[in-house]
Amino acid sequence: MTELVLIITNYPDKESATALAEGLIKQHLAACVNISGACHSVYRWQEKITSAEEFPVLIKTRRQHYDQVEQLIKIMHPYELPEIIMVPIVGGLTDYLQWINDETMLSEKH
């Protein structure tokens, strides 16, 4: 099975997070995208401590799709510097991991 990863990002609203999720699924660049409820983020940006309401987005895909996923996030994201973090999936339910692999393999056929 190909190396699987979880890509984490945050969007400022549910609508833009959903648009990203639908784009990734349509292109078979992700098997599943979870959009969590709003959270409160606190961070330093341009020398100021600030906060914002954000919607965490969890993207399950294959490592080889990272560059395409990153590009789509950067294109569709309103932030100057969006959070994009890739975490390797080192284990899990075998059938679920196979499903991620199978769903994202279809992108190669389109």
PDB file of N, CA and C in Angstrom:
ATOM      1  N   MET A   1       0.855  -1.185   0.000  1.00  0.00           N
ATOM      2  CA  MET A   1       0.000   0.000   0.000  1.00  0.00           C
ATOM      3  C   MET A   1       0.897   1.243   0.000  1.00  0.00           C
ATOM      4  N   THR A   2       0.474   2.245  -0.716  1.00  0.00           N
ATOM      5  CA  THR A   2       1.176   3.523  -0.806  1.00  0.00           C
ATOM      6  C   THR A   2       1.192   4.220   0.552  1.00  0.00           C
ATOM      7  N   GLU A   3       2.173   5.099   0.773  1.00  0.00           N
ATOM      8  CA  GLU A   3       2.233   5.857   2.018  1.00  0.00           C
ATOM      9  C   GLU A   3       1.028   6.795   2.115  1.00  0.00           C
ATOM     10  N   LEU A   4       0.316   6.695   3.224  1.00  0.00           N
ATOM     11  CA  LEU A   4      -0.865   7.522   3.455  1.00  0.00           C
ATOM     12  C   LEU A   4      -0.525   8.647   4.425  1.00  0.00           C
ATOM     13  N   VAL A   5      -1.200   9.792   4.260  1.00  0.00           N
ATOM     14  CA  VAL A   5      -0.948  10.955   5.102  1.00  0.00           C
ATOM     15  C   VAL A   5      -2.252  11.638   5.485  1.00  0.00           C
ATOM     16  N   LEU A   6      -2.153  12.421   6.536  1.00  0.00           N
ATOM     17  CA  LEU A   6      -3.229  13.292   6.977  1.00  0.00           C
ATOM     18  C   LEU A   6      -2.720  14.710   6.793  1.00  0.00           C
ATOM     19  N   ILE A   7      -3.450  15.517   6.054  1.00  0.00           N
ATOM     20  CA  ILE A   7      -3.075  16.916   5.846  1.00  0.00           C
ATOM     21  C   ILE A   7      -4.051  17.769   6.648  1.00  0.00           C
ATOM     22  N   ILE A   8      -3.491  18.667   7.437  1.00  0.00           N
ATOM     23  CA  ILE A   8      -4.277  19.514   8.335  1.00  0.00           C
ATOM     24  C   ILE A   8      -4.197  20.961   7.864  1.00  0.00           C
ATOM     25  N   THR A   9      -5.351  21.611   7.827  1.00  0.00           N
ATOM     26  CA  THR A   9      -5.412  23.037   7.539  1.00  0.00           C
ATOM     27  C   THR A   9      -6.591  23.615   8.313  1.00  0.00           C
ATOM     28  N   ASN A  10      -6.750  24.920   8.276  1.00  0.00           N
ATOM     29  CA  ASN A  10      -7.877  25.606   8.894  1.00  0.00           C
ATOM     30  C   ASN A  10      -8.413  26.630   7.907  1.00  0.00           C
ATOM     31  N   TYR A  11      -9.705  26.799   7.898  1.00  0.00           N
ATOM     32  CA  TYR A  11     -10.340  27.817   7.054  1.00  0.00           C
ATOM     33  C   TYR A  11     -11.153  28.759   7.928  1.00  0.00           C
ATOM     34  N   PRO A  12     -11.319  30.003   7.509  1.00  0.00           N
ATOM     35  CA  PRO A  12     -12.032  30.972   8.335  1.00  0.00           C
ATOM     36  C   PRO A  12     -13.555  30.799   8.325  1.00  0.00           C
ATOM     37  N   ASP A  13     -14.073  29.991   7.405  1.00  0.00           N
ATOM     38  CA  ASP A  13     -15.520  29.775   7.360  1.00  0.00           C
ATOM     39  C   ASP A  13     -15.819  28.393   6.783  1.00  0.00           C
ATOM     40  N   LYS A  14     -16.983  27.891   7.134  1.00  0.00           N
ATOM     41  CA  LYS A  14     -17.378  26.534   6.736  1.00  0.00           C
ATOM     42  C   LYS A  14     -17.583  26.423   5.220  1.00  0.00           C
ATOM     43  N   GLU A  15     -18.052  27.481   4.595  1.00  0.00           N
ATOM     44  CA  GLU A  15     -18.322  27.450   3.154  1.00  0.00           C
ATOM     45  C   GLU A  15     -17.041  27.235   2.344  1.00  0.00           C
ATOM     46  N   SER A  16     -15.992  27.960   2.665  1.00  0.00           N
ATOM     47  CA  SER A  16     -14.745  27.795   1.916  1.00  0.00           C
ATOM     48  C   SER A  16     -14.087  26.455   2.229  1.00  0.00           C
ATOM     49  N   ALA A  17     -14.210  25.974   3.459  1.00  0.00           N
ATOM     50  CA  ALA A  17     -13.695  24.645   3.809  1.00  0.00           C
ATOM     51  C   ALA A  17     -14.437  23.561   3.031  1.00  0.00           C
ATOM     52  N   THR A  18     -15.745  23.723   2.895  1.00  0.00           N
ATOM     53  CA  THR A  18     -16.555  22.750   2.145  1.00  0.00           C
ATOM     54  C   THR A  18     -16.202  22.781   0.662  1.00  0.00           C
ATOM     55  N   ALA A  19     -15.952  23.960   0.117  1.00  0.00           N
ATOM     56  CA  ALA A  19     -15.563  24.062  -1.294  1.00  0.00           C
ATOM     57  C   ALA A  19     -14.247  23.322  -1.536  1.00  0.00           C
ATOM     58  N   LEU A  20     -13.288  23.485  -0.627  1.00  0.00           N
ATOM     59  CA  LEU A  20     -12.026  22.753  -0.741  1.00  0.00           C
ATOM     60  C   LEU A  20     -12.286  21.253  -0.684  1.00  0.00           C
ATOM     61  N   ALA A  21     -13.051  20.815   0.309  1.00  0.00           N
ATOM     62  CA  ALA A  21     -13.339  19.388   0.483  1.00  0.00           C
ATOM     63  C   ALA A  21     -13.968  18.794  -0.774  1.00  0.00           C
ATOM     64  N   GLU A  22     -14.950  19.466  -1.309  1.00  0.00           N
ATOM     65  CA  GLU A  22     -15.621  18.951  -2.509  1.00  0.00           C
ATOM     66  C   GLU A  22     -14.671  18.893  -3.696  1.00  0.00           C
ATOM     67  N   GLY A  23     -13.812  19.889  -3.850  1.00  0.00           N
ATOM     68  CA  GLY A  23     -12.831  19.879  -4.930  1.00  0.00           C
ATOM     69  C   GLY A  23     -11.860  18.712  -4.808  1.00  0.00           C
ATOM     70  N   LEU A  24     -11.391  18.458  -3.595  1.00  0.00           N
ATOM     71  CA  LEU A  24     -10.461  17.349  -3.373  1.00  0.00           C
ATOM     72  C   LEU A  24     -11.107  16.001  -3.641  1.00  0.00           C
ATOM     73  N   ILE A  25     -12.337  15.846  -3.192  1.00  0.00           N
ATOM     74  CA  ILE A  25     -13.044  14.571  -3.391  1.00  0.00           C
ATOM     75  C   ILE A  25     -13.354  14.361  -4.871  1.00  0.00           C
ATOM     76  N   LYS A  26     -13.828  15.391  -5.551  1.00  0.00           N
ATOM     77  CA  LYS A  26     -14.144  15.270  -6.983  1.00  0.00           C
ATOM     78  C   LYS A  26     -12.931  14.857  -7.802  1.00  0.00           C
ATOM     79  N   GLN A  27     -11.753  15.359  -7.432  1.00  0.00           N
ATOM     80  CA  GLN A  27     -10.527  15.055  -8.171  1.00  0.00           C
ATOM     81  C   GLN A  27      -9.840  13.788  -7.661  1.00  0.00           C
ATOM     82  N   HIS A  28     -10.448  13.108  -6.695  1.00  0.00           N
ATOM     83  CA  HIS A  28      -9.874  11.907  -6.077  1.00  0.00           C
ATOM     84  C   HIS A  28      -8.510  12.184  -5.452  1.00  0.00           C
ATOM     85  N   LEU A  29      -8.304  13.419  -4.992  1.00  0.00           N
ATOM     86  CA  LEU A  29      -7.070  13.769  -4.295  1.00  0.00           C
ATOM     87  C   LEU A  29      -7.180  13.478  -2.809  1.00  0.00           C
ATOM     88  N   ALA A  30      -8.374  13.172  -2.339  1.00  0.00           N
ATOM     89  CA  ALA A  30      -8.601  12.784  -0.947  1.00  0.00           C
ATOM     90  C   ALA A  30      -9.727  11.760  -0.918  1.00  0.00           C
ATOM     91  N   ALA A  31      -9.635  10.845   0.037  1.00  0.00           N
ATOM     92  CA  ALA A  31     -10.708   9.865   0.212  1.00  0.00           C
ATOM     93  C   ALA A  31     -11.793  10.428   1.116  1.00  0.00           C
ATOM     94  N   CYS A  32     -11.381  11.248   2.074  1.00  0.00           N
ATOM     95  CA  CYS A  32     -12.310  11.813   3.044  1.00  0.00           C
ATOM     96  C   CYS A  32     -11.734  13.127   3.550  1.00  0.00           C
ATOM     97  N   VAL A  33     -12.604  14.099   3.755  1.00  0.00           N
ATOM     98  CA  VAL A  33     -12.205  15.377   4.341  1.00  0.00           C
ATOM     99  C   VAL A  33     -13.175  15.675   5.477  1.00  0.00           C
ATOM    100  N   ASN A  34     -12.634  15.810   6.674  1.00  0.00           N
ATOM    101  CA  ASN A  34     -13.453  16.176   7.828  1.00  0.00           C
ATOM    102  C   ASN A  34     -13.338  17.670   8.063  1.00  0.00           C
ATOM    103  N   ILE A  35     -14.485  18.320   8.233  1.00  0.00           N
ATOM    104  CA  ILE A  35     -14.527  19.733   8.592  1.00  0.00           C
ATOM    105  C   ILE A  35     -15.118  19.797   9.989  1.00  0.00           C
ATOM    106  N   SER A  36     -14.297  20.190  10.938  1.00  0.00           N
ATOM    107  CA  SER A  36     -14.746  20.250  12.323  1.00  0.00           C
ATOM    108  C   SER A  36     -15.498  21.543  12.590  1.00  0.00           C
ATOM    109  N   GLY A  37     -16.157  21.580  13.741  1.00  0.00           N
ATOM    110  CA  GLY A  37     -16.839  22.787  14.166  1.00  0.00           C
ATOM    111  C   GLY A  37     -15.840  23.892  14.455  1.00  0.00           C
ATOM    112  N   ALA A  38     -16.344  25.070  14.577  1.00  0.00           N
ATOM    113  CA  ALA A  38     -15.486  26.239  14.795  1.00  0.00           C
ATOM    114  C   ALA A  38     -14.648  26.076  16.058  1.00  0.00           C
ATOM    115  N   CYS A  39     -13.414  26.550  15.965  1.00  0.00           N
ATOM    116  CA  CYS A  39     -12.526  26.588  17.127  1.00  0.00           C
ATOM    117  C   CYS A  39     -11.951  28.000  17.232  1.00  0.00           C
ATOM    118  N   HIS A  40     -11.405  28.308  18.358  1.00  0.00           N
ATOM    119  CA  HIS A  40     -10.813  29.620  18.588  1.00  0.00           C
ATOM    120  C   HIS A  40      -9.305  29.465  18.533  1.00  0.00           C
ATOM    121  N   SER A  41      -8.650  30.097  17.563  1.00  0.00           N
ATOM    122  CA  SER A  41      -7.200  30.026  17.401  1.00  0.00           C
ATOM    123  C   SER A  41      -6.558  31.322  17.885  1.00  0.00           C
ATOM    124  N   VAL A  42      -5.458  31.189  18.603  1.00  0.00           N
ATOM    125  CA  VAL A  42      -4.685  32.341  19.076  1.00  0.00           C
ATOM    126  C   VAL A  42      -3.274  32.171  18.533  1.00  0.00           C
ATOM    127  N   TYR A  43      -2.738  33.228  17.916  1.00  0.00           N
ATOM    128  CA  TYR A  43      -1.423  33.132  17.286  1.00  0.00           C
ATOM    129  C   TYR A  43      -0.806  34.521  17.140  1.00  0.00           C
ATOM    130  N   ARG A  44       0.500  34.518  16.862  1.00  0.00           N
ATOM    131  CA  ARG A  44       1.197  35.772  16.611  1.00  0.00           C
ATOM    132  C   ARG A  44       1.309  35.919  15.093  1.00  0.00           C
ATOM    133  N   TRP A  45       0.908  37.071  14.579  1.00  0.00           N
ATOM    134  CA  TRP A  45       1.008  37.348  13.156  1.00  0.00           C
ATOM    135  C   TRP A  45       1.421  38.795  12.988  1.00  0.00           C
ATOM    136  N   GLN A  46       2.492  39.013  12.251  1.00  0.00           N
ATOM    137  CA  GLN A  46       3.033  40.344  11.992  1.00  0.00           C
ATOM    138  C   GLN A  46       3.223  41.129  13.289  1.00  0.00           C
ATOM    139  N   GLU A  47       3.886  40.459  14.238  1.00  0.00           N
ATOM    140  CA  GLU A  47       4.275  41.041  15.525  1.00  0.00           C
ATOM    141  C   GLU A  47       3.115  41.362  16.457  1.00  0.00           C
ATOM    142  N   LYS A  48       1.928  40.844  16.170  1.00  0.00           N
ATOM    143  CA  LYS A  48       0.782  41.088  17.047  1.00  0.00           C
ATOM    144  C   LYS A  48       0.147  39.763  17.434  1.00  0.00           C
ATOM    145  N   ILE A  49      -0.276  39.661  18.678  1.00  0.00           N
ATOM    146  CA  ILE A  49      -1.045  38.497  19.104  1.00  0.00           C
ATOM    147  C   ILE A  49      -2.482  38.739  18.676  1.00  0.00           C
ATOM    148  N   THR A  50      -3.013  37.778  17.976  1.00  0.00           N
ATOM    149  CA  THR A  50      -4.367  37.917  17.438  1.00  0.00           C
ATOM    150  C   THR A  50      -5.121  36.610  17.634  1.00  0.00           C
ATOM    151  N   SER A  51      -6.387  36.621  17.333  1.00  0.00           N
ATOM    152  CA  SER A  51      -7.191  35.400  17.421  1.00  0.00           C
ATOM    153  C   SER A  51      -8.241  35.419  16.324  1.00  0.00           C
ATOM    154  N   ALA A  52      -8.721  34.231  16.038  1.00  0.00           N
ATOM    155  CA  ALA A  52      -9.724  34.101  14.981  1.00  0.00           C
ATOM    156  C   ALA A  52     -10.536  32.831  15.190  1.00  0.00           C
ATOM    157  N   GLU A  53     -11.744  32.856  14.701  1.00  0.00           N
ATOM    158  CA  GLU A  53     -12.551  31.640  14.645  1.00  0.00           C
ATOM    159  C   GLU A  53     -12.165  30.918  13.363  1.00  0.00           C
ATOM    160  N   GLU A  54     -11.864  29.622  13.469  1.00  0.00           N
ATOM    161  CA  GLU A  54     -11.461  28.843  12.306  1.00  0.00           C
ATOM    162  C   GLU A  54     -12.130  27.475  12.341  1.00  0.00           C
ATOM    163  N   PHE A  55     -12.174  26.841  11.171  1.00  0.00           N
ATOM    164  CA  PHE A  55     -12.735  25.512  11.025  1.00  0.00           C
ATOM    165  C   PHE A  55     -11.624  24.549  10.631  1.00  0.00           C
ATOM    166  N   PRO A  56     -11.216  23.658  11.551  1.00  0.00           N
ATOM    167  CA  PRO A  56     -10.176  22.678  11.222  1.00  0.00           C
ATOM    168  C   PRO A  56     -10.628  21.723  10.114  1.00  0.00           C
ATOM    169  N   VAL A  57      -9.700  21.436   9.211  1.00  0.00           N
ATOM    170  CA  VAL A  57      -9.959  20.558   8.073  1.00  0.00           C
ATOM    171  C   VAL A  57      -8.911  19.444   8.087  1.00  0.00           C
ATOM    172  N   LEU A  58      -9.372  18.195   8.077  1.00  0.00           N
ATOM    173  CA  LEU A  58      -8.501  17.023   8.081  1.00  0.00           C
ATOM    174  C   LEU A  58      -8.681  16.267   6.772  1.00  0.00           C
ATOM    175  N   ILE A  59      -7.610  16.128   6.031  1.00  0.00           N
ATOM    176  CA  ILE A  59      -7.649  15.551   4.685  1.00  0.00           C
ATOM    177  C   ILE A  59      -6.892  14.223   4.689  1.00  0.00           C
ATOM    178  N   LYS A  60      -7.574  13.122   4.323  1.00  0.00           N
ATOM    179  CA  LYS A  60      -6.925  11.813   4.258  1.00  0.00           C
ATOM    180  C   LYS A  60      -6.599  11.494   2.811  1.00  0.00           C
ATOM    181  N   THR A  61      -5.306  11.253   2.536  1.00  0.00           N
ATOM    182  CA  THR A  61      -4.877  11.054   1.164  1.00  0.00           C
ATOM    183  C   THR A  61      -3.582  10.250   1.113  1.00  0.00           C
ATOM    184  N   ARG A  62      -3.015  10.172  -0.071  1.00  0.00           N
ATOM    185  CA  ARG A  62      -1.726   9.508  -0.274  1.00  0.00           C
ATOM    186  C   ARG A  62      -0.632  10.566  -0.344  1.00  0.00           C
ATOM    187  N   ARG A  63       0.560  10.208   0.102  1.00  0.00           N
ATOM    188  CA  ARG A  63       1.702  11.122   0.134  1.00  0.00           C
ATOM    189  C   ARG A  63       1.962  11.744  -1.233  1.00  0.00           C
ATOM    190  N   GLN A  64       1.828  10.959  -2.277  1.00  0.00           N
ATOM    191  CA  GLN A  64       2.144  11.465  -3.618  1.00  0.00           C
ATOM    192  C   GLN A  64       1.208  12.581  -4.075  1.00  0.00           C
ATOM    193  N   HIS A  65       0.070  12.771  -3.404  1.00  0.00           N
ATOM    194  CA  HIS A  65      -0.860  13.841  -3.770  1.00  0.00           C
ATOM    195  C   HIS A  65      -0.605  15.133  -3.000  1.00  0.00           C
ATOM    196  N   TYR A  66       0.381  15.113  -2.088  1.00  0.00           N
ATOM    197  CA  TYR A  66       0.585  16.285  -1.236  1.00  0.00           C
ATOM    198  C   TYR A  66       0.750  17.581  -2.037  1.00  0.00           C
ATOM    199  N   ASP A  67       1.599  17.580  -3.037  1.00  0.00           N
ATOM    200  CA  ASP A  67       1.862  18.818  -3.784  1.00  0.00           C
ATOM    201  C   ASP A  67       0.589  19.377  -4.420  1.00  0.00           C
ATOM    202  N   GLN A  68      -0.246  18.497  -4.978  1.00  0.00           N
ATOM    203  CA  GLN A  68      -1.495  18.957  -5.599  1.00  0.00           C
ATOM    204  C   GLN A  68      -2.457  19.491  -4.543  1.00  0.00           C
ATOM    205  N   VAL A  69      -2.536  18.806  -3.407  1.00  0.00           N
ATOM    206  CA  VAL A  69      -3.412  19.266  -2.324  1.00  0.00           C
ATOM    207  C   VAL A  69      -2.931  20.620  -1.808  1.00  0.00           C
ATOM    208  N   GLU A  70      -1.633  20.748  -1.603  1.00  0.00           N
ATOM    209  CA  GLU A  70      -1.076  22.025  -1.140  1.00  0.00           C
ATOM    210  C   GLU A  70      -1.419  23.153  -2.109  1.00  0.00           C
ATOM    211  N   GLN A  71      -1.236  22.911  -3.388  1.00  0.00           N
ATOM    212  CA  GLN A  71      -1.534  23.941  -4.402  1.00  0.00           C
ATOM    213  C   GLN A  71      -2.999  24.355  -4.357  1.00  0.00           C
ATOM    214  N   LEU A  72      -3.896  23.368  -4.254  1.00  0.00           N
ATOM    215  CA  LEU A  72      -5.323  23.681  -4.213  1.00  0.00           C
ATOM    216  C   LEU A  72      -5.665  24.485  -2.959  1.00  0.00           C
ATOM    217  N   ILE A  73      -5.092  24.110  -1.821  1.00  0.00           N
ATOM    218  CA  ILE A  73      -5.332  24.878  -0.594  1.00  0.00           C
ATOM    219  C   ILE A  73      -4.855  26.313  -0.784  1.00  0.00           C
ATOM    220  N   LYS A  74      -3.642  26.493  -1.300  1.00  0.00           N
ATOM    221  CA  LYS A  74      -3.102  27.841  -1.474  1.00  0.00           C
ATOM    222  C   LYS A  74      -3.951  28.672  -2.439  1.00  0.00           C
ATOM    223  N   ILE A  75      -4.469  28.060  -3.482  1.00  0.00           N
ATOM    224  CA  ILE A  75      -5.319  28.768  -4.443  1.00  0.00           C
ATOM    225  C   ILE A  75      -6.649  29.176  -3.809  1.00  0.00           C
ATOM    226  N   MET A  76      -7.222  28.269  -3.009  1.00  0.00           N
ATOM    227  CA  MET A  76      -8.571  28.486  -2.480  1.00  0.00           C
ATOM    228  C   MET A  76      -8.594  29.153  -1.100  1.00  0.00           C
ATOM    229  N   HIS A  77      -7.439  29.417  -0.520  1.00  0.00           N
ATOM    230  CA  HIS A  77      -7.393  29.924   0.850  1.00  0.00           C
ATOM    231  C   HIS A  77      -7.260  31.446   0.869  1.00  0.00           C
ATOM    232  N   PRO A  78      -8.026  32.115   1.719  1.00  0.00           N
ATOM    233  CA  PRO A  78      -7.946  33.581   1.769  1.00  0.00           C
ATOM    234  C   PRO A  78      -6.743  34.111   2.557  1.00  0.00           C
ATOM    235  N   TYR A  79      -6.085  33.258   3.352  1.00  0.00           N
ATOM    236  CA  TYR A  79      -4.961  33.729   4.170  1.00  0.00           C
ATOM    237  C   TYR A  79      -3.701  33.887   3.333  1.00  0.00           C
ATOM    238  N   GLU A  80      -2.900  34.847   3.702  1.00  0.00           N
ATOM    239  CA  GLU A  80      -1.592  35.044   3.074  1.00  0.00           C
ATOM    240  C   GLU A  80      -0.679  33.844   3.338  1.00  0.00           C
ATOM    241  N   LEU A  81      -0.786  33.283   4.547  1.00  0.00           N
ATOM    242  CA  LEU A  81       0.028  32.138   4.939  1.00  0.00           C
ATOM    243  C   LEU A  81      -0.867  31.089   5.592  1.00  0.00           C
ATOM    244  N   PRO A  82      -1.481  30.214   4.796  1.00  0.00           N
ATOM    245  CA  PRO A  82      -2.369  29.208   5.381  1.00  0.00           C
ATOM    246  C   PRO A  82      -1.581  28.102   6.093  1.00  0.00           C
ATOM    247  N   GLU A  83      -2.174  27.584   7.137  1.00  0.00           N
ATOM    248  CA  GLU A  83      -1.606  26.410   7.801  1.00  0.00           C
ATOM    249  C   GLU A  83      -1.791  25.208   6.887  1.00  0.00           C
ATOM    250  N   ILE A  84      -0.691  24.520   6.593  1.00  0.00           N
ATOM    251  CA  ILE A  84      -0.746  23.266   5.838  1.00  0.00           C
ATOM    252  C   ILE A  84       0.296  22.358   6.470  1.00  0.00           C
ATOM    253  N   ILE A  85      -0.168  21.320   7.151  1.00  0.00           N
ATOM    254  CA  ILE A  85       0.714  20.391   7.841  1.00  0.00           C
ATOM    255  C   ILE A  85       0.408  18.974   7.364  1.00  0.00           C
ATOM    256  N   MET A  86       1.456  18.237   7.029  1.00  0.00           N
ATOM    257  CA  MET A  86       1.293  16.842   6.614  1.00  0.00           C
ATOM    258  C   MET A  86       1.814  15.936   7.719  1.00  0.00           C
ATOM    259  N   VAL A  87       1.004  14.959   8.106  1.00  0.00           N
ATOM    260  CA  VAL A  87       1.365  14.004   9.138  1.00  0.00           C
ATOM    261  C   VAL A  87       1.260  12.602   8.538  1.00  0.00           C
ATOM    262  N   PRO A  88       2.316  11.793   8.649  1.00  0.00           N
ATOM    263  CA  PRO A  88       2.219  10.437   8.116  1.00  0.00           C
ATOM    264  C   PRO A  88       1.232   9.593   8.938  1.00  0.00           C
ATOM    265  N   ILE A  89       0.487   8.770   8.259  1.00  0.00           N
ATOM    266  CA  ILE A  89      -0.388   7.809   8.927  1.00  0.00           C
ATOM    267  C   ILE A  89       0.424   6.532   9.076  1.00  0.00           C
ATOM    268  N   VAL A  90       0.749   6.178  10.304  1.00  0.00           N
ATOM    269  CA  VAL A  90       1.629   5.029  10.536  1.00  0.00           C
ATOM    270  C   VAL A  90       0.871   3.757  10.895  1.00  0.00           C
ATOM    271  N   GLY A  91      -0.428   3.852  11.053  1.00  0.00           N
ATOM    272  CA  GLY A  91      -1.224   2.674  11.364  1.00  0.00           C
ATOM    273  C   GLY A  91      -2.686   3.033  11.409  1.00  0.00           C
ATOM    274  N   GLY A  92      -3.500   2.010  11.493  1.00  0.00           N
ATOM    275  CA  GLY A  92      -4.944   2.196  11.556  1.00  0.00           C
ATOM    276  C   GLY A  92      -5.651   0.935  11.103  1.00  0.00           C
ATOM    277  N   LEU A  93      -6.949   0.981  11.062  1.00  0.00           N
ATOM    278  CA  LEU A  93      -7.747  -0.154  10.607  1.00  0.00           C
ATOM    279  C   LEU A  93      -7.375  -0.462   9.164  1.00  0.00           C
ATOM    280  N   THR A  94      -6.890  -1.653   8.910  1.00  0.00           N
ATOM    281  CA  THR A  94      -6.377  -2.028   7.590  1.00  0.00           C
ATOM    282  C   THR A  94      -7.387  -1.777   6.481  1.00  0.00           C
ATOM    283  N   ASP A  95      -8.630  -2.159   6.691  1.00  0.00           N
ATOM    284  CA  ASP A  95      -9.645  -1.963   5.644  1.00  0.00           C
ATOM    285  C   ASP A  95      -9.879  -0.483   5.356  1.00  0.00           C
ATOM    286  N   TYR A  96      -9.846   0.358   6.392  1.00  0.00           N
ATOM    287  CA  TYR A  96     -10.031   1.800   6.195  1.00  0.00           C
ATOM    288  C   TYR A  96      -8.847   2.383   5.434  1.00  0.00           C
ATOM    289  N   LEU A  97      -7.648   1.997   5.818  1.00  0.00           N
ATOM    290  CA  LEU A  97      -6.459   2.493   5.124  1.00  0.00           C
ATOM    291  C   LEU A  97      -6.457   2.048   3.665  1.00  0.00           C
ATOM    292  N   GLN A  98      -6.915   0.844   3.400  1.00  0.00           N
ATOM    293  CA  GLN A  98      -7.009   0.365   2.020  1.00  0.00           C
ATOM    294  C   GLN A  98      -8.031   1.191   1.239  1.00  0.00           C
ATOM    295  N   TRP A  99      -9.125   1.563   1.900  1.00  0.00           N
ATOM    296  CA  TRP A  99     -10.142   2.398   1.257  1.00  0.00           C
ATOM    297  C   TRP A  99      -9.561   3.758   0.864  1.00  0.00           C
ATOM    298  N   ILE A 100      -8.779   4.381   1.766  1.00  0.00           N
ATOM    299  CA  ILE A 100      -8.122   5.652   1.425  1.00  0.00           C
ATOM    300  C   ILE A 100      -7.251   5.456   0.192  1.00  0.00           C
ATOM    301  N   ASN A 101      -6.449   4.417   0.210  1.00  0.00           N
ATOM    302  CA  ASN A 101      -5.562   4.125  -0.912  1.00  0.00           C
ATOM    303  C   ASN A 101      -6.351   3.949  -2.209  1.00  0.00           C
ATOM    304  N   ASP A 102      -7.399   3.142  -2.158  1.00  0.00           N
ATOM    305  CA  ASP A 102      -8.196   2.857  -3.357  1.00  0.00           C
ATOM    306  C   ASP A 102      -8.879   4.109  -3.899  1.00  0.00           C
ATOM    307  N   GLU A 103      -9.467   4.909  -3.022  1.00  0.00           N
ATOM    308  CA  GLU A 103     -10.176   6.119  -3.456  1.00  0.00           C
ATOM    309  C   GLU A 103      -9.246   7.136  -4.088  1.00  0.00           C
ATOM    310  N   THR A 104      -8.055   7.263  -3.566  1.00  0.00           N
ATOM    311  CA  THR A 104      -7.133   8.266  -4.090  1.00  0.00           C
ATOM    312  C   THR A 104      -6.314   7.750  -5.270  1.00  0.00           C
ATOM    313  N   MET A 105      -6.362   6.465  -5.504  1.00  0.00           N
ATOM    314  CA  MET A 105      -5.702   5.887  -6.663  1.00  0.00           C
ATOM    315  C   MET A 105      -6.449   6.267  -7.944  1.00  0.00           C
ATOM    316  N   LEU A 106      -7.740   6.525  -7.805  1.00  0.00           N
ATOM    317  CA  LEU A 106      -8.569   6.856  -8.962  1.00  0.00           C
ATOM    318  C   LEU A 106      -8.136   8.143  -9.641  1.00  0.00           C
ATOM    319  N   SER A 107      -7.449   9.042  -8.919  1.00  0.00           N
ATOM    320  CA  SER A 107      -7.013  10.294  -9.530  1.00  0.00           C
ATOM    321  C   SER A 107      -6.048  10.045 -10.681  1.00  0.00           C
ATOM    322  N   GLU A 108      -5.341   8.947 -10.622  1.00  0.00           N
ATOM    323  CA  GLU A 108      -4.392   8.613 -11.679  1.00  0.00           C
ATOM    324  C   GLU A 108      -5.092   8.172 -12.969  1.00  0.00           C
ATOM    325  N   LYS A 109      -6.353   7.780 -12.847  1.00  0.00           N
ATOM    326  CA  LYS A 109      -7.106   7.306 -14.009  1.00  0.00           C
ATOM    327  C   LYS A 109      -7.875   8.410 -14.708  1.00  0.00           C
ATOM    328  N   HIS A 110      -7.902   9.616 -14.089  1.00  0.00           N
ATOM    329  CA  HIS A 110      -8.664  10.743 -14.688  1.00  0.00           C
ATOM    330  C   HIS A 110      -7.733  11.705 -15.381  1.00  0.00           C
TER     331      HIS A 110
END
